[in-house]
Amino acid sequence: MGGPSQEEKITALIEKDPELKTLVQEHRMLDEKLKEFDRKVYLSPDEEMERKRLQKLKLAKKDKIAQRLSGQ
């Protein structure tokens, strides 16, 4: 089990692929914004819509990241 972990492999690929790096950074940014919504006790209807929009964007970024990783 001395091989690199999945996180280490991803980190190495990110360093070589600027587009992948951007996707990962955007995914993390969306994750942080969603965590802000999750910390609230109550979301207004507008906040709930924004939260759902961010979830969809985050999932789309995750799909693009997975595509790039599987293409490597």
PDB file of N, CA and C in Angstrom:
ATOM      1  N   MET A   1       0.828  -1.206   0.000  1.00  0.00           N
ATOM      2  CA  MET A   1       0.000   0.000   0.000  1.00  0.00           C
ATOM      3  C   MET A   1       0.863   1.257   0.000  1.00  0.00           C
ATOM      4  N   GLY A   2       2.033   1.185  -0.564  1.00  0.00           N
ATOM      5  CA  GLY A   2       2.936   2.313  -0.556  1.00  0.00           C
ATOM      6  C   GLY A   2       2.696   3.314  -1.666  1.00  0.00           C
ATOM      7  N   GLY A   3       1.703   3.065  -2.511  1.00  0.00           N
ATOM      8  CA  GLY A   3       1.435   3.970  -3.624  1.00  0.00           C
ATOM      9  C   GLY A   3       0.801   5.267  -3.158  1.00  0.00           C
ATOM     10  N   PRO A   4       0.798   6.263  -4.048  1.00  0.00           N
ATOM     11  CA  PRO A   4       0.200   7.550  -3.679  1.00  0.00           C
ATOM     12  C   PRO A   4      -1.320   7.435  -3.505  1.00  0.00           C
ATOM     13  N   SER A   5      -1.839   8.229  -2.584  1.00  0.00           N
ATOM     14  CA  SER A   5      -3.284   8.240  -2.360  1.00  0.00           C
ATOM     15  C   SER A   5      -3.976   8.950  -3.525  1.00  0.00           C
ATOM     16  N   GLN A   6      -5.276   8.806  -3.584  1.00  0.00           N
ATOM     17  CA  GLN A   6      -6.039   9.470  -4.652  1.00  0.00           C
ATOM     18  C   GLN A   6      -5.847  10.983  -4.567  1.00  0.00           C
ATOM     19  N   GLU A   7      -5.828  11.507  -3.348  1.00  0.00           N
ATOM     20  CA  GLU A   7      -5.635  12.953  -3.168  1.00  0.00           C
ATOM     21  C   GLU A   7      -4.272  13.379  -3.704  1.00  0.00           C
ATOM     22  N   GLU A   8      -3.255  12.576  -3.469  1.00  0.00           N
ATOM     23  CA  GLU A   8      -1.910  12.895  -3.975  1.00  0.00           C
ATOM     24  C   GLU A   8      -1.867  12.854  -5.500  1.00  0.00           C
ATOM     25  N   LYS A   9      -2.571  11.878  -6.086  1.00  0.00           N
ATOM     26  CA  LYS A   9      -2.633  11.784  -7.550  1.00  0.00           C
ATOM     27  C   LYS A   9      -3.322  13.020  -8.129  1.00  0.00           C
ATOM     28  N   ILE A  10      -4.423  13.410  -7.515  1.00  0.00           N
ATOM     29  CA  ILE A  10      -5.166  14.581  -7.985  1.00  0.00           C
ATOM     30  C   ILE A  10      -4.305  15.828  -7.860  1.00  0.00           C
ATOM     31  N   THR A  11      -3.615  15.964  -6.741  1.00  0.00           N
ATOM     32  CA  THR A  11      -2.747  17.124  -6.536  1.00  0.00           C
ATOM     33  C   THR A  11      -1.678  17.193  -7.621  1.00  0.00           C
ATOM     34  N   ALA A  12      -1.077  16.058  -7.963  1.00  0.00           N
ATOM     35  CA  ALA A  12      -0.051  16.024  -9.008  1.00  0.00           C
ATOM     36  C   ALA A  12      -0.638  16.413 -10.359  1.00  0.00           C
ATOM     37  N   LEU A  13      -1.845  15.930 -10.660  1.00  0.00           N
ATOM     38  CA  LEU A  13      -2.483  16.268 -11.935  1.00  0.00           C
ATOM     39  C   LEU A  13      -2.857  17.753 -11.996  1.00  0.00           C
ATOM     40  N   ILE A  14      -3.301  18.296 -10.865  1.00  0.00           N
ATOM     41  CA  ILE A  14      -3.683  19.704 -10.809  1.00  0.00           C
ATOM     42  C   ILE A  14      -2.486  20.588 -11.148  1.00  0.00           C
ATOM     43  N   GLU A  15      -1.327  20.204 -10.653  1.00  0.00           N
ATOM     44  CA  GLU A  15      -0.126  20.999 -10.908  1.00  0.00           C
ATOM     45  C   GLU A  15       0.231  21.012 -12.386  1.00  0.00           C
ATOM     46  N   LYS A  16      -0.116  19.958 -13.108  1.00  0.00           N
ATOM     47  CA  LYS A  16       0.217  19.851 -14.530  1.00  0.00           C
ATOM     48  C   LYS A  16      -0.873  20.410 -15.438  1.00  0.00           C
ATOM     49  N   ASP A  17      -2.092  20.527 -14.921  1.00  0.00           N
ATOM     50  CA  ASP A  17      -3.247  20.887 -15.755  1.00  0.00           C
ATOM     51  C   ASP A  17      -3.927  22.142 -15.189  1.00  0.00           C
ATOM     52  N   PRO A  18      -3.651  23.318 -15.784  1.00  0.00           N
ATOM     53  CA  PRO A  18      -4.238  24.562 -15.252  1.00  0.00           C
ATOM     54  C   PRO A  18      -5.768  24.576 -15.285  1.00  0.00           C
ATOM     55  N   GLU A  19      -6.365  23.949 -16.300  1.00  0.00           N
ATOM     56  CA  GLU A  19      -7.829  23.931 -16.373  1.00  0.00           C
ATOM     57  C   GLU A  19      -8.404  23.092 -15.232  1.00  0.00           C
ATOM     58  N   LEU A  20      -7.776  21.977 -14.940  1.00  0.00           N
ATOM     59  CA  LEU A  20      -8.218  21.146 -13.824  1.00  0.00           C
ATOM     60  C   LEU A  20      -8.061  21.906 -12.505  1.00  0.00           C
ATOM     61  N   LYS A  21      -6.965  22.633 -12.378  1.00  0.00           N
ATOM     62  CA  LYS A  21      -6.730  23.431 -11.175  1.00  0.00           C
ATOM     63  C   LYS A  21      -7.853  24.450 -10.985  1.00  0.00           C
ATOM     64  N   THR A  22      -8.244  25.110 -12.069  1.00  0.00           N
ATOM     65  CA  THR A  22      -9.331  26.090 -12.007  1.00  0.00           C
ATOM     66  C   THR A  22     -10.639  25.420 -11.603  1.00  0.00           C
ATOM     67  N   LEU A  23     -10.939  24.270 -12.192  1.00  0.00           N
ATOM     68  CA  LEU A  23     -12.173  23.554 -11.848  1.00  0.00           C
ATOM     69  C   LEU A  23     -12.201  23.185 -10.362  1.00  0.00           C
ATOM     70  N   VAL A  24     -11.070  22.702  -9.850  1.00  0.00           N
ATOM     71  CA  VAL A  24     -11.008  22.303  -8.439  1.00  0.00           C
ATOM     72  C   VAL A  24     -11.176  23.527  -7.537  1.00  0.00           C
ATOM     73  N   GLN A  25     -10.542  24.638  -7.895  1.00  0.00           N
ATOM     74  CA  GLN A  25     -10.677  25.860  -7.096  1.00  0.00           C
ATOM     75  C   GLN A  25     -12.128  26.348  -7.089  1.00  0.00           C
ATOM     76  N   GLU A  26     -12.776  26.318  -8.255  1.00  0.00           N
ATOM     77  CA  GLU A  26     -14.177  26.746  -8.331  1.00  0.00           C
ATOM     78  C   GLU A  26     -15.069  25.807  -7.516  1.00  0.00           C
ATOM     79  N   HIS A  27     -14.796  24.504  -7.585  1.00  0.00           N
ATOM     80  CA  HIS A  27     -15.575  23.527  -6.822  1.00  0.00           C
ATOM     81  C   HIS A  27     -15.457  23.813  -5.326  1.00  0.00           C
ATOM     82  N   ARG A  28     -14.232  24.084  -4.870  1.00  0.00           N
ATOM     83  CA  ARG A  28     -14.019  24.378  -3.444  1.00  0.00           C
ATOM     84  C   ARG A  28     -14.701  25.674  -3.032  1.00  0.00           C
ATOM     85  N   MET A  29     -14.676  26.679  -3.909  1.00  0.00           N
ATOM     86  CA  MET A  29     -15.331  27.947  -3.620  1.00  0.00           C
ATOM     87  C   MET A  29     -16.846  27.738  -3.474  1.00  0.00           C
ATOM     88  N   LEU A  30     -17.430  26.955  -4.379  1.00  0.00           N
ATOM     89  CA  LEU A  30     -18.863  26.670  -4.294  1.00  0.00           C
ATOM     90  C   LEU A  30     -19.176  25.902  -3.021  1.00  0.00           C
ATOM     91  N   ASP A  31     -18.298  24.980  -2.648  1.00  0.00           N
ATOM     92  CA  ASP A  31     -18.488  24.212  -1.416  1.00  0.00           C
ATOM     93  C   ASP A  31     -18.513  25.141  -0.204  1.00  0.00           C
ATOM     94  N   GLU A  32     -17.611  26.115  -0.175  1.00  0.00           N
ATOM     95  CA  GLU A  32     -17.577  27.067   0.941  1.00  0.00           C
ATOM     96  C   GLU A  32     -18.856  27.907   0.993  1.00  0.00           C
ATOM     97  N   LYS A  33     -19.331  28.352  -0.165  1.00  0.00           N
ATOM     98  CA  LYS A  33     -20.576  29.142  -0.198  1.00  0.00           C
ATOM     99  C   LYS A  33     -21.741  28.299   0.301  1.00  0.00           C
ATOM    100  N   LEU A  34     -21.776  27.027  -0.098  1.00  0.00           N
ATOM    101  CA  LEU A  34     -22.858  26.159   0.371  1.00  0.00           C
ATOM    102  C   LEU A  34     -22.778  25.936   1.879  1.00  0.00           C
ATOM    103  N   LYS A  35     -21.582  25.841   2.408  1.00  0.00           N
ATOM    104  CA  LYS A  35     -21.427  25.685   3.855  1.00  0.00           C
ATOM    105  C   LYS A  35     -21.961  26.902   4.602  1.00  0.00           C
ATOM    106  N   GLU A  36     -21.810  28.079   4.004  1.00  0.00           N
ATOM    107  CA  GLU A  36     -22.364  29.288   4.622  1.00  0.00           C
ATOM    108  C   GLU A  36     -23.881  29.179   4.730  1.00  0.00           C
ATOM    109  N   PHE A  37     -24.524  28.703   3.665  1.00  0.00           N
ATOM    110  CA  PHE A  37     -25.975  28.519   3.709  1.00  0.00           C
ATOM    111  C   PHE A  37     -26.344  27.461   4.745  1.00  0.00           C
ATOM    112  N   ASP A  38     -25.553  26.394   4.831  1.00  0.00           N
ATOM    113  CA  ASP A  38     -25.855  25.309   5.772  1.00  0.00           C
ATOM    114  C   ASP A  38     -25.760  25.754   7.225  1.00  0.00           C
ATOM    115  N   ARG A  39     -24.975  26.783   7.486  1.00  0.00           N
ATOM    116  CA  ARG A  39     -24.837  27.278   8.864  1.00  0.00           C
ATOM    117  C   ARG A  39     -26.052  28.103   9.298  1.00  0.00           C
ATOM    118  N   LYS A  40     -26.838  28.539   8.344  1.00  0.00           N
ATOM    119  CA  LYS A  40     -28.019  29.342   8.698  1.00  0.00           C
ATOM    120  C   LYS A  40     -29.139  28.429   9.189  1.00  0.00           C
ATOM    121  N   VAL A  41     -29.902  28.938  10.141  1.00  0.00           N
ATOM    122  CA  VAL A  41     -31.034  28.185  10.675  1.00  0.00           C
ATOM    123  C   VAL A  41     -32.184  28.198   9.679  1.00  0.00           C
ATOM    124  N   TYR A  42     -32.365  29.332   9.017  1.00  0.00           N
ATOM    125  CA  TYR A  42     -33.484  29.500   8.094  1.00  0.00           C
ATOM    126  C   TYR A  42     -32.978  30.166   6.823  1.00  0.00           C
ATOM    127  N   LEU A  43     -33.464  29.684   5.682  1.00  0.00           N
ATOM    128  CA  LEU A  43     -33.140  30.318   4.403  1.00  0.00           C
ATOM    129  C   LEU A  43     -34.400  30.930   3.827  1.00  0.00           C
ATOM    130  N   SER A  44     -34.280  32.146   3.341  1.00  0.00           N
ATOM    131  CA  SER A  44     -35.392  32.778   2.644  1.00  0.00           C
ATOM    132  C   SER A  44     -35.605  32.029   1.327  1.00  0.00           C
ATOM    133  N   PRO A  45     -36.738  32.222   0.685  1.00  0.00           N
ATOM    134  CA  PRO A  45     -36.955  31.562  -0.615  1.00  0.00           C
ATOM    135  C   PRO A  45     -35.845  31.888  -1.631  1.00  0.00           C
ATOM    136  N   ASP A  46     -35.388  33.135  -1.645  1.00  0.00           N
ATOM    137  CA  ASP A  46     -34.310  33.509  -2.564  1.00  0.00           C
ATOM    138  C   ASP A  46     -33.008  32.786  -2.206  1.00  0.00           C
ATOM    139  N   GLU A  47     -32.727  32.693  -0.914  1.00  0.00           N
ATOM    140  CA  GLU A  47     -31.516  31.990  -0.485  1.00  0.00           C
ATOM    141  C   GLU A  47     -31.597  30.504  -0.825  1.00  0.00           C
ATOM    142  N   GLU A  48     -32.783  29.937  -0.669  1.00  0.00           N
ATOM    143  CA  GLU A  48     -32.968  28.520  -0.994  1.00  0.00           C
ATOM    144  C   GLU A  48     -32.755  28.277  -2.492  1.00  0.00           C
ATOM    145  N   MET A  49     -33.247  29.191  -3.322  1.00  0.00           N
ATOM    146  CA  MET A  49     -33.035  29.074  -4.766  1.00  0.00           C
ATOM    147  C   MET A  49     -31.556  29.198  -5.107  1.00  0.00           C
ATOM    148  N   GLU A  50     -30.874  30.131  -4.462  1.00  0.00           N
ATOM    149  CA  GLU A  50     -29.442  30.316  -4.698  1.00  0.00           C
ATOM    150  C   GLU A  50     -28.671  29.079  -4.240  1.00  0.00           C
ATOM    151  N   ARG A  51     -29.065  28.517  -3.110  1.00  0.00           N
ATOM    152  CA  ARG A  51     -28.408  27.308  -2.605  1.00  0.00           C
ATOM    153  C   ARG A  51     -28.544  26.166  -3.609  1.00  0.00           C
ATOM    154  N   LYS A  52     -29.740  25.985  -4.155  1.00  0.00           N
ATOM    155  CA  LYS A  52     -29.964  24.924  -5.145  1.00  0.00           C
ATOM    156  C   LYS A  52     -29.153  25.188  -6.416  1.00  0.00           C
ATOM    157  N   ARG A  53     -29.057  26.444  -6.826  1.00  0.00           N
ATOM    158  CA  ARG A  53     -28.274  26.805  -8.002  1.00  0.00           C
ATOM    159  C   ARG A  53     -26.791  26.474  -7.784  1.00  0.00           C
ATOM    160  N   LEU A  54     -26.302  26.818  -6.595  1.00  0.00           N
ATOM    161  CA  LEU A  54     -24.904  26.532  -6.273  1.00  0.00           C
ATOM    162  C   LEU A  54     -24.643  25.023  -6.213  1.00  0.00           C
ATOM    163  N   GLN A  55     -25.604  24.268  -5.690  1.00  0.00           N
ATOM    164  CA  GLN A  55     -25.448  22.815  -5.636  1.00  0.00           C
ATOM    165  C   GLN A  55     -25.311  22.239  -7.048  1.00  0.00           C
ATOM    166  N   LYS A  56     -26.125  22.744  -7.969  1.00  0.00           N
ATOM    167  CA  LYS A  56     -26.067  22.265  -9.355  1.00  0.00           C
ATOM    168  C   LYS A  56     -24.738  22.636 -10.003  1.00  0.00           C
ATOM    169  N   LEU A  57     -24.270  23.849  -9.757  1.00  0.00           N
ATOM    170  CA  LEU A  57     -22.976  24.265 -10.303  1.00  0.00           C
ATOM    171  C   LEU A  57     -21.846  23.411  -9.740  1.00  0.00           C
ATOM    172  N   LYS A  58     -21.914  23.160  -8.441  1.00  0.00           N
ATOM    173  CA  LYS A  58     -20.874  22.349  -7.787  1.00  0.00           C
ATOM    174  C   LYS A  58     -20.853  20.946  -8.377  1.00  0.00           C
ATOM    175  N   LEU A  59     -22.021  20.363  -8.590  1.00  0.00           N
ATOM    176  CA  LEU A  59     -22.103  19.031  -9.175  1.00  0.00           C
ATOM    177  C   LEU A  59     -21.559  19.028 -10.607  1.00  0.00           C
ATOM    178  N   ALA A  60     -21.872  20.071 -11.366  1.00  0.00           N
ATOM    179  CA  ALA A  60     -21.355  20.174 -12.731  1.00  0.00           C
ATOM    180  C   ALA A  60     -19.827  20.255 -12.724  1.00  0.00           C
ATOM    181  N   LYS A  61     -19.268  21.022 -11.780  1.00  0.00           N
ATOM    182  CA  LYS A  61     -17.799  21.107 -11.660  1.00  0.00           C
ATOM    183  C   LYS A  61     -17.224  19.738 -11.296  1.00  0.00           C
ATOM    184  N   LYS A  62     -17.894  19.050 -10.379  1.00  0.00           N
ATOM    185  CA  LYS A  62     -17.414  17.729  -9.968  1.00  0.00           C
ATOM    186  C   LYS A  62     -17.409  16.771 -11.158  1.00  0.00           C
ATOM    187  N   ASP A  63     -18.452  16.831 -11.984  1.00  0.00           N
ATOM    188  CA  ASP A  63     -18.517  15.982 -13.173  1.00  0.00           C
ATOM    189  C   ASP A  63     -17.380  16.301 -14.141  1.00  0.00           C
ATOM    190  N   LYS A  64     -17.104  17.589 -14.335  1.00  0.00           N
ATOM    191  CA  LYS A  64     -16.018  17.988 -15.240  1.00  0.00           C
ATOM    192  C   LYS A  64     -14.665  17.535 -14.698  1.00  0.00           C
ATOM    193  N   ILE A  65     -14.499  17.636 -13.377  1.00  0.00           N
ATOM    194  CA  ILE A  65     -13.249  17.177 -12.753  1.00  0.00           C
ATOM    195  C   ILE A  65     -13.097  15.674 -12.984  1.00  0.00           C
ATOM    196  N   ALA A  66     -14.166  14.923 -12.768  1.00  0.00           N
ATOM    197  CA  ALA A  66     -14.115  13.467 -12.953  1.00  0.00           C
ATOM    198  C   ALA A  66     -13.792  13.117 -14.407  1.00  0.00           C
ATOM    199  N   GLN A  67     -14.376  13.856 -15.347  1.00  0.00           N
ATOM    200  CA  GLN A  67     -14.076  13.625 -16.767  1.00  0.00           C
ATOM    201  C   GLN A  67     -12.613  13.847 -17.055  1.00  0.00           C
ATOM    202  N   ARG A  68     -12.056  14.931 -16.544  1.00  0.00           N
ATOM    203  CA  ARG A  68     -10.639  15.239 -16.791  1.00  0.00           C
ATOM    204  C   ARG A  68      -9.735  14.191 -16.141  1.00  0.00           C
ATOM    205  N   LEU A  69     -10.107  13.747 -14.948  1.00  0.00           N
ATOM    206  CA  LEU A  69      -9.290  12.745 -14.263  1.00  0.00           C
ATOM    207  C   LEU A  69      -9.351  11.397 -14.980  1.00  0.00           C
ATOM    208  N   SER A  70     -10.520  11.045 -15.504  1.00  0.00           N
ATOM    209  CA  SER A  70     -10.633   9.758 -16.206  1.00  0.00           C
ATOM    210  C   SER A  70      -9.954   9.809 -17.571  1.00  0.00           C
ATOM    211  N   GLY A  71      -9.807  11.008 -18.113  1.00  0.00           N
ATOM    212  CA  GLY A  71      -9.139  11.173 -19.405  1.00  0.00           C
ATOM    213  C   GLY A  71      -7.642  11.136 -19.300  1.00  0.00           C
ATOM    214  N   GLN A  72      -7.125  11.193 -18.094  1.00  0.00           N
ATOM    215  CA  GLN A  72      -5.655  11.222 -17.898  1.00  0.00           C
ATOM    216  C   GLN A  72      -5.084   9.830 -17.960  1.00  0.00           C
TER     217      GLN A  72
END
